[in-house]
Structures are given as C-alpha cells and as structure tokens.
Amino acid sequence: RLSDAEEIVFHGPGLAVKDLKAVDDKKVEATIVIAPDCRLGVHHFRVRCRSGISFARTFWVSQFPNHGEVEPNDDFAAPQKIPMNVTIEGEAKIEETDYYQVSVKKGERLSVEVEALRINNAGTGVIAIDPYVAILDKDRNGLAFSDGSALLKQESLLSIEVPEDGDYIVEVRDAAYRGNGRYRVHIGNFPRPTAIYPAGGKAGSEVEFTLIGDVKGPYKFKAKLPETAEND
C-alpha cells in the first residue's frame, strides 16, 4: 500500500529525502542525502502515505564509500579487486562464496566486519544470512576466520596484522551455505576494538577511555560526556 507515499520519516537527525517517487503499490524510490555529521550506523525510518504509515525499517550509514559487489566473484582465482577502506554491498546466494582482493603492506592492519543479520529486517520476506568471513593469502592459506563473535553474536568480525606485502583475499559467505540474503562488509585498515573501559562516567565530565581488543593492542582517548541523556 505504498502507491500514495508522500514522505519518509527518519527517527533521528542527519538524513533527508529528495525526489521521492511511489513506483507502485510495493515500491518507493528516493534519493537520501546524508549530512557530513550524520551518526554512523543504523537509522530507523518509516514511509508516510496518505492512507497510513509503514512499519519501521533500517538504513545504514558507513564511514567508508560504498562499492557494489561485481559478479562473478565466486572463484578464488578471480576475486573482485577492491581498494582498502570501503563498504561492499553484496548478496550471498545459496551455496556461493564471494571473494574480494585487497593489497596490504607488511605490518598493516587488515580488518573485516560484516553486517548481515542486522540489516535484514524481520517481516520483509528477506532471508538473512549467518555470515562467515575469512582472510586468506594468495596461496589460499587461512590467516584468520570468524563465524560469529562475542561482541556481535552471530555477526562476524576479525582483524590481523598482515605478515608480508601482497594481495590478500577476504572470503564472505553464509556459514552453512544455506542463506540467501544481502550483506554489507567493511574492509580496510581501521582499528576494531571489541570492548571499552570504563563503561561510562559522570554526566558533563571528561573521561579517559581505554579501547580493548584491537589487534595492535589497547589505546586510549578522552571524551567529554553530555550533560543529559539523548534518546534515539
């Protein structure tokens, strides 16, 4: 019942819509403008129609430029070549593995994180994959793999220091080769801590936090906490 769509309503700041067009009863097309200071991660929105308002759905904002998956990329010998620090919008089909190749320098961090269960909304009819990711060298030796994580549960993330200059392959697939759904995978040299200490502090105060779990070790930063809580 989207044929009389008039507006997309976001639950928080940083996103605006232009060129909204109701294509048919099941599809709306729009251009979304992302503000430079928009919060990274998940944002919730609803489509407002003259006849009512839709269920909430999600829109994800990355710190990296988006690149689309280019098929075919399911052959280890012919992976999709990508630059570092990008977000790939892909699809894991049944019994398929996707391969991405990046060039990395010795000692450089190579981090991978997948958003799959988080981006496939319940009730949309889309089957979410249970993501598995791995980093392999050019000889197909596995350097690291992740099938779930303590921080993100069934979602996968990993980070390594590469042993030598060269091309490395990132493998993305459904853990049981059964899923058939979309995913977003971030690939780059970004730090990926998995915990923070302390967990909070006094409102309005400046606190020094320690980020823990990154492959290059813990690191610290200071931040001034807000005076009041903000709800999103």
Protein backbone atom coordinates (compact mmCIF):
# COMPACT_ATOMS: atom_id res chain seq x y z
CA ARG A 1 0.00 0.00 0.00
CA LEU A 2 2.78 2.44 -0.94
CA SER A 3 1.21 3.94 -4.04
CA ASP A 4 0.16 7.09 -2.15
CA ALA A 5 3.53 7.60 -0.37
CA GLU A 6 4.24 11.24 0.49
CA GLU A 7 7.20 11.30 2.89
CA ILE A 8 9.96 9.24 4.51
CA VAL A 9 10.21 9.97 8.22
CA PHE A 10 13.54 9.30 9.96
CA HIS A 11 13.70 8.75 13.71
CA GLY A 12 16.86 10.86 14.13
CA PRO A 13 18.79 13.75 12.54
CA GLY A 14 21.35 13.58 9.74
CA LEU A 15 19.26 12.19 6.88
CA ALA A 16 16.95 13.97 4.44
CA VAL A 17 14.97 12.82 1.41
CA LYS A 18 14.52 14.34 -2.04
CA ASP A 19 12.97 13.06 -5.26
CA LEU A 20 10.54 10.70 -3.54
CA LYS A 21 8.59 8.65 -6.06
CA ALA A 22 5.99 5.96 -5.50
CA VAL A 23 6.70 3.38 -8.23
CA ASP A 24 3.81 1.05 -7.46
CA ASP A 25 1.94 -0.43 -4.51
CA LYS A 26 5.07 -2.23 -3.22
CA LYS A 27 7.95 0.05 -4.16
CA VAL A 28 9.13 3.59 -3.43
CA GLU A 29 12.26 5.18 -4.88
CA ALA A 30 14.03 8.11 -3.23
CA THR A 31 17.36 9.90 -3.02
CA ILE A 32 18.63 10.13 0.56
CA VAL A 33 21.01 12.96 1.44
CA ILE A 34 23.46 12.14 4.25
CA ALA A 35 24.73 15.10 6.28
CA PRO A 36 28.51 15.30 6.91
CA ASP A 37 27.93 14.99 10.68
CA CYS A 38 25.38 12.17 10.41
CA ARG A 39 25.84 9.49 13.07
CA LEU A 40 27.38 6.29 11.72
CA GLY A 41 25.50 3.00 11.91
CA VAL A 42 21.83 2.16 11.90
CA HIS A 43 18.99 4.65 11.41
CA HIS A 44 15.28 3.83 11.52
CA PHE A 45 12.69 5.24 9.16
CA ARG A 46 9.05 4.85 8.10
CA VAL A 47 7.23 5.67 4.89
CA ARG A 48 4.27 8.01 5.45
CA CYS A 49 1.44 7.56 2.98
CA ARG A 50 -1.88 9.38 2.76
CA SER A 51 -3.53 6.16 3.88
CA GLY A 52 -1.19 5.39 6.79
CA ILE A 53 2.36 4.80 7.90
CA SER A 54 4.63 1.80 7.32
CA PHE A 55 6.46 -0.42 9.77
CA ALA A 56 9.94 0.78 10.77
CA ARG A 57 12.83 -0.24 8.53
CA THR A 58 16.57 0.42 8.75
CA PHE A 59 19.07 2.49 6.75
CA TRP A 60 22.80 2.11 7.40
CA VAL A 61 25.49 4.79 7.17
CA SER A 62 29.16 3.79 6.79
CA GLN A 63 32.34 5.79 7.38
CA PHE A 64 33.59 4.47 4.01
CA PRO A 65 32.45 4.88 0.40
CA ASN A 66 30.05 2.19 -0.78
CA HIS A 67 31.03 -0.20 -3.58
CA GLY A 68 28.72 -2.74 -5.15
CA GLU A 69 29.55 -6.41 -5.46
CA VAL A 70 30.54 -7.24 -9.05
CA GLU A 71 29.63 -10.73 -10.21
CA PRO A 72 31.15 -13.17 -10.89
CA ASN A 73 33.39 -13.12 -7.80
CA ASP A 74 32.85 -16.67 -6.55
CA ASP A 75 36.15 -18.05 -7.90
CA PHE A 76 39.16 -17.78 -5.57
CA ALA A 77 41.42 -17.42 -8.62
CA ALA A 78 39.38 -14.46 -9.94
CA PRO A 79 38.30 -12.35 -6.93
CA GLN A 80 36.80 -8.89 -7.13
CA LYS A 81 39.62 -6.37 -6.66
CA ILE A 82 38.78 -3.53 -4.28
CA PRO A 83 40.64 -0.64 -2.62
CA MET A 84 41.16 -0.52 1.13
CA ASN A 85 38.64 1.16 3.40
CA VAL A 86 35.41 0.52 1.53
CA THR A 87 31.98 -0.88 2.32
CA ILE A 88 30.79 -3.56 -0.09
CA GLU A 89 27.07 -4.01 -0.66
CA GLY A 90 26.75 -7.68 -1.61
CA GLU A 91 24.48 -10.68 -1.73
CA ALA A 92 25.31 -14.18 -0.52
CA LYS A 93 23.47 -16.71 -2.61
CA ILE A 94 22.81 -20.32 -1.68
CA GLU A 95 25.99 -22.46 -1.88
CA GLU A 96 28.04 -19.45 -3.03
CA THR A 97 31.21 -17.83 -1.69
CA ASP A 98 32.22 -14.25 -2.52
CA TYR A 99 35.91 -13.29 -2.74
CA TYR A 100 37.42 -9.79 -2.51
CA GLN A 101 41.10 -8.95 -3.07
CA VAL A 102 42.99 -6.10 -1.38
CA SER A 103 46.66 -5.10 -1.46
CA VAL A 104 48.18 -4.66 2.00
CA LYS A 105 51.63 -3.75 3.34
CA LYS A 106 53.55 -5.84 5.89
CA GLY A 107 52.52 -5.00 9.45
CA GLU A 108 49.43 -3.11 8.30
CA ARG A 109 46.15 -3.91 9.97
CA LEU A 110 43.51 -5.68 7.87
CA SER A 111 40.05 -5.57 9.43
CA VAL A 112 36.79 -7.08 8.21
CA GLU A 113 33.30 -6.69 9.66
CA VAL A 114 30.03 -7.96 8.22
CA GLU A 115 26.53 -6.58 8.75
CA ALA A 116 24.00 -9.18 7.66
CA LEU A 117 21.51 -10.18 10.34
CA ARG A 118 21.42 -6.53 11.41
CA ILE A 119 20.42 -5.14 8.02
CA ASN A 120 17.78 -7.71 7.05
CA ASN A 121 14.61 -6.53 8.75
CA ALA A 122 12.16 -9.01 10.22
CA GLY A 123 8.91 -9.16 8.29
CA THR A 124 10.37 -8.10 4.92
CA GLY A 125 10.46 -11.60 3.47
CA VAL A 126 14.26 -11.37 3.08
CA ILE A 127 16.21 -14.34 4.44
CA ALA A 128 19.21 -13.16 6.45
CA ILE A 129 22.50 -14.97 6.15
CA ASP A 130 24.54 -16.19 9.12
CA PRO A 131 27.82 -14.62 7.99
CA TYR A 132 31.21 -16.32 7.91
CA VAL A 133 34.32 -14.34 6.94
CA ALA A 134 37.95 -15.32 6.46
CA ILE A 135 41.24 -13.73 5.40
CA LEU A 136 43.46 -15.86 3.15
CA ASP A 137 46.79 -15.30 1.46
CA LYS A 138 47.44 -15.75 -2.27
CA ASP A 139 48.17 -19.47 -1.72
CA ARG A 140 44.78 -19.93 -0.01
CA ASN A 141 46.27 -20.36 3.44
CA GLY A 142 43.78 -19.23 6.07
CA LEU A 143 45.18 -16.44 8.28
CA ALA A 144 42.02 -15.73 10.27
CA PHE A 145 38.33 -16.58 10.25
CA SER A 146 35.19 -15.61 12.13
CA ASP A 147 31.85 -17.36 12.42
CA GLY A 148 30.24 -15.09 14.99
CA SER A 149 31.83 -13.00 17.74
CA ALA A 150 31.46 -12.32 21.45
CA LEU A 151 30.65 -8.66 20.70
CA LEU A 152 28.22 -9.12 17.80
CA LYS A 153 26.90 -12.67 18.44
CA GLN A 154 26.19 -14.26 15.02
CA GLU A 155 27.70 -11.33 13.14
CA SER A 156 31.37 -11.75 12.21
CA LEU A 157 34.41 -9.51 12.58
CA LEU A 158 38.15 -10.07 12.55
CA SER A 159 41.40 -8.14 12.36
CA ILE A 160 45.01 -9.16 11.68
CA GLU A 161 48.45 -7.67 11.11
CA VAL A 162 49.48 -8.97 7.69
CA PRO A 163 52.79 -10.88 7.64
CA GLU A 164 54.15 -9.51 4.34
CA ASP A 165 53.43 -7.16 1.46
CA GLY A 166 50.99 -8.60 -1.04
CA ASP A 167 47.45 -9.35 -2.09
CA TYR A 168 45.05 -10.87 0.42
CA ILE A 169 41.63 -12.41 -0.14
CA VAL A 170 38.58 -11.76 2.02
CA GLU A 171 36.02 -14.56 1.87
CA VAL A 172 32.36 -13.86 2.68
CA ARG A 173 29.57 -16.46 2.71
CA ASP A 174 26.75 -17.94 4.73
CA ALA A 175 28.20 -20.17 7.45
CA ALA A 176 26.14 -23.18 6.30
CA TYR A 177 25.92 -22.18 2.61
CA ARG A 178 22.13 -22.00 3.06
CA GLY A 179 21.42 -18.30 3.37
CA ASN A 180 20.27 -16.13 0.51
CA GLY A 181 20.41 -12.52 1.58
CA ARG A 182 22.12 -9.16 1.49
CA TYR A 183 25.17 -8.12 3.48
CA ARG A 184 27.45 -5.14 3.99
CA VAL A 185 31.13 -5.89 4.58
CA HIS A 186 33.62 -3.23 5.73
CA ILE A 187 37.19 -3.98 4.61
CA GLY A 188 40.15 -1.77 5.50
CA ASN A 189 42.95 -0.90 7.89
CA PHE A 190 40.65 0.55 10.54
CA PRO A 191 41.05 -0.34 14.24
CA ARG A 192 38.43 -2.72 15.60
CA PRO A 193 38.33 -2.82 19.40
CA THR A 194 35.74 -5.09 21.00
CA ALA A 195 35.38 -3.53 24.47
CA ILE A 196 35.74 -0.20 26.28
CA TYR A 197 36.70 0.68 29.85
CA PRO A 198 35.25 2.34 31.83
CA ALA A 199 31.72 1.80 30.56
CA GLY A 200 30.64 5.35 31.43
CA GLY A 201 31.20 8.31 33.71
CA LYS A 202 29.69 11.33 35.40
CA ALA A 203 27.49 13.49 33.16
CA GLY A 204 29.34 16.52 31.82
CA SER A 205 32.78 15.26 32.84
CA GLU A 206 35.80 14.44 30.67
CA VAL A 207 36.73 10.77 30.87
CA GLU A 208 39.74 8.87 29.54
CA PHE A 209 38.59 5.61 27.94
CA THR A 210 40.66 2.56 27.03
CA LEU A 211 39.61 0.66 23.92
CA ILE A 212 40.44 -3.04 24.19
CA GLY A 213 40.66 -5.93 21.73
CA ASP A 214 42.27 -4.35 18.67
CA VAL A 215 44.97 -6.47 17.04
CA LYS A 216 47.56 -3.72 17.59
CA GLY A 217 46.75 -3.50 21.29
CA PRO A 218 44.73 -1.22 23.58
CA TYR A 219 44.65 2.52 23.02
CA LYS A 220 43.22 5.47 24.91
CA PHE A 221 41.17 8.54 24.09
CA LYS A 222 39.43 11.28 26.05
CA ALA A 223 35.84 12.41 25.57
CA LYS A 224 33.56 14.89 27.28
CA LEU A 225 30.30 13.24 28.25
CA PRO A 226 27.00 15.04 27.54
CA GLU A 227 25.17 16.80 30.34
CA THR A 228 21.91 14.96 29.62
CA ALA A 229 20.93 11.64 28.07
CA GLU A 230 19.79 11.58 24.46
CA ASN A 231 17.28 9.06 23.14
CA ASP A 232 17.36 7.81 19.54
